N, C-alpha and C. Protein backbone atom coordinates (compact mmCIF):
# COMPACT_ATOMS: atom_id res chain seq x y z
N UNK A 1 0.81 -1.22 0.00
CA UNK A 1 0.00 0.00 0.00
C UNK A 1 0.84 1.26 0.00
N UNK A 2 0.19 2.39 0.07
CA UNK A 2 0.90 3.66 0.02
C UNK A 2 1.32 4.13 1.41
N UNK A 3 1.04 3.32 2.42
CA UNK A 3 1.37 3.72 3.79
C UNK A 3 2.70 3.17 4.26
N UNK A 4 3.49 2.60 3.35
CA UNK A 4 4.77 2.01 3.75
C UNK A 4 5.71 3.07 4.31
N UNK A 5 6.47 2.67 5.32
CA UNK A 5 7.44 3.59 5.89
C UNK A 5 6.91 4.24 7.17
N UNK A 6 5.62 4.19 7.39
CA UNK A 6 5.05 4.76 8.61
C UNK A 6 5.00 3.67 9.67
N UNK A 7 5.80 3.81 10.69
CA UNK A 7 5.95 2.80 11.72
C UNK A 7 4.65 2.18 12.19
N UNK A 8 3.67 3.01 12.54
CA UNK A 8 2.42 2.50 13.10
C UNK A 8 1.65 1.66 12.08
N UNK A 9 1.74 2.03 10.82
CA UNK A 9 0.98 1.31 9.80
C UNK A 9 1.76 0.14 9.23
N UNK A 10 3.06 0.12 9.48
CA UNK A 10 3.89 -0.94 8.91
C UNK A 10 3.79 -2.23 9.72
N UNK A 11 3.17 -2.15 10.90
CA UNK A 11 3.07 -3.34 11.75
C UNK A 11 1.63 -3.59 12.16
N UNK A 12 0.82 -4.12 11.26
CA UNK A 12 -0.60 -4.37 11.54
C UNK A 12 -0.82 -5.52 12.52
N UNK A 13 0.15 -6.39 12.63
CA UNK A 13 0.00 -7.55 13.52
C UNK A 13 0.35 -7.15 14.95
N UNK A 14 -0.61 -7.33 15.83
CA UNK A 14 -0.40 -6.98 17.23
C UNK A 14 0.41 -8.05 17.95
N UNK A 15 1.21 -7.61 18.90
CA UNK A 15 1.96 -8.56 19.71
C UNK A 15 1.02 -9.20 20.72
N UNK A 16 1.46 -10.29 21.34
CA UNK A 16 0.62 -10.96 22.33
C UNK A 16 0.32 -10.00 23.49
N UNK A 17 1.29 -9.17 23.83
CA UNK A 17 1.10 -8.22 24.92
C UNK A 17 0.01 -7.20 24.58
N UNK A 18 0.04 -6.70 23.34
CA UNK A 18 -0.97 -5.74 22.92
C UNK A 18 -2.36 -6.37 22.90
N UNK A 19 -2.42 -7.61 22.42
CA UNK A 19 -3.70 -8.32 22.40
C UNK A 19 -4.22 -8.52 23.81
N UNK A 20 -3.31 -8.89 24.71
CA UNK A 20 -3.70 -9.09 26.10
C UNK A 20 -4.24 -7.80 26.71
N UNK A 21 -3.56 -6.69 26.40
CA UNK A 21 -4.00 -5.40 26.93
C UNK A 21 -5.37 -5.02 26.41
N UNK A 22 -5.59 -5.25 25.12
CA UNK A 22 -6.89 -4.93 24.52
C UNK A 22 -7.99 -5.80 25.11
N UNK A 23 -7.71 -7.09 25.24
CA UNK A 23 -8.69 -8.00 25.81
C UNK A 23 -8.98 -7.64 27.26
N UNK A 24 -7.94 -7.26 27.99
CA UNK A 24 -8.11 -6.89 29.38
C UNK A 24 -9.04 -5.68 29.51
N UNK A 25 -8.80 -4.69 28.68
CA UNK A 25 -9.63 -3.48 28.70
C UNK A 25 -11.06 -3.79 28.26
N UNK A 26 -11.17 -4.65 27.26
CA UNK A 26 -12.49 -5.02 26.74
C UNK A 26 -13.28 -5.81 27.76
N UNK A 27 -12.62 -6.79 28.36
CA UNK A 27 -13.31 -7.66 29.31
C UNK A 27 -13.67 -6.92 30.59
N UNK A 28 -12.93 -5.87 30.91
CA UNK A 28 -13.17 -5.14 32.15
C UNK A 28 -14.55 -4.48 32.14
N UNK A 29 -15.10 -4.28 30.95
CA UNK A 29 -16.42 -3.65 30.86
C UNK A 29 -17.48 -4.59 30.28
N UNK A 30 -17.06 -5.78 29.84
CA UNK A 30 -18.05 -6.71 29.28
C UNK A 30 -17.81 -8.14 29.78
N UNK A 31 -17.55 -8.28 31.09
CA UNK A 31 -17.34 -9.62 31.63
C UNK A 31 -18.63 -10.43 31.62
N UNK A 32 -18.50 -11.74 31.58
CA UNK A 32 -19.69 -12.58 31.61
C UNK A 32 -19.63 -13.71 30.61
N UNK A 33 -20.66 -13.83 29.79
CA UNK A 33 -20.77 -14.95 28.85
C UNK A 33 -19.72 -14.89 27.75
N UNK A 34 -19.08 -13.72 27.60
CA UNK A 34 -18.07 -13.58 26.55
C UNK A 34 -16.78 -14.32 26.88
N UNK A 35 -16.60 -14.66 28.15
CA UNK A 35 -15.38 -15.37 28.56
C UNK A 35 -15.16 -16.63 27.72
N UNK A 36 -16.19 -17.45 27.62
CA UNK A 36 -16.07 -18.70 26.88
C UNK A 36 -15.83 -18.43 25.39
N UNK A 37 -16.51 -17.43 24.86
CA UNK A 37 -16.35 -17.11 23.44
C UNK A 37 -14.93 -16.64 23.15
N UNK A 38 -14.41 -15.78 24.02
CA UNK A 38 -13.06 -15.27 23.82
C UNK A 38 -12.03 -16.38 23.97
N UNK A 39 -12.25 -17.27 24.94
CA UNK A 39 -11.34 -18.40 25.12
C UNK A 39 -11.26 -19.23 23.84
N UNK A 40 -12.43 -19.53 23.27
CA UNK A 40 -12.48 -20.32 22.05
C UNK A 40 -11.87 -19.55 20.88
N UNK A 41 -12.15 -18.25 20.84
CA UNK A 41 -11.64 -17.40 19.76
C UNK A 41 -10.12 -17.34 19.79
N UNK A 42 -9.57 -17.07 20.96
CA UNK A 42 -8.13 -16.97 21.10
C UNK A 42 -7.46 -18.32 20.82
N UNK A 43 -8.12 -19.39 21.20
CA UNK A 43 -7.56 -20.73 21.00
C UNK A 43 -7.43 -21.05 19.52
N UNK A 44 -8.37 -20.57 18.72
CA UNK A 44 -8.34 -20.91 17.30
C UNK A 44 -7.54 -19.90 16.49
N UNK A 45 -7.39 -18.67 16.99
CA UNK A 45 -6.66 -17.65 16.24
C UNK A 45 -5.17 -17.70 16.51
N UNK A 46 -4.79 -18.16 17.71
CA UNK A 46 -3.38 -18.17 18.07
C UNK A 46 -3.03 -19.40 18.90
N UNK A 47 -3.17 -20.59 18.32
CA UNK A 47 -2.97 -21.83 19.08
C UNK A 47 -1.52 -22.08 19.46
N UNK A 48 -0.58 -21.50 18.72
CA UNK A 48 0.83 -21.80 18.95
C UNK A 48 1.39 -21.06 20.15
N UNK A 49 0.79 -19.92 20.51
CA UNK A 49 1.32 -19.15 21.63
C UNK A 49 0.50 -19.34 22.88
N UNK A 50 -0.41 -20.30 22.87
CA UNK A 50 -1.19 -20.59 24.07
C UNK A 50 -0.32 -21.23 25.13
N UNK A 51 -0.28 -20.65 26.30
CA UNK A 51 0.46 -21.24 27.39
C UNK A 51 -0.38 -21.19 28.66
């Protein structure tokens, strides 16, 4: 794309830490039945880094 060279746009893939931070912020206001959905979602999107 035409956005090459711009640090923020050059790295669309979030690190595990960034994902954890986003999930933490998200879950802090929407806890409940989403726990199971997120667990399943994370398990299928990033199975190799599950620990």
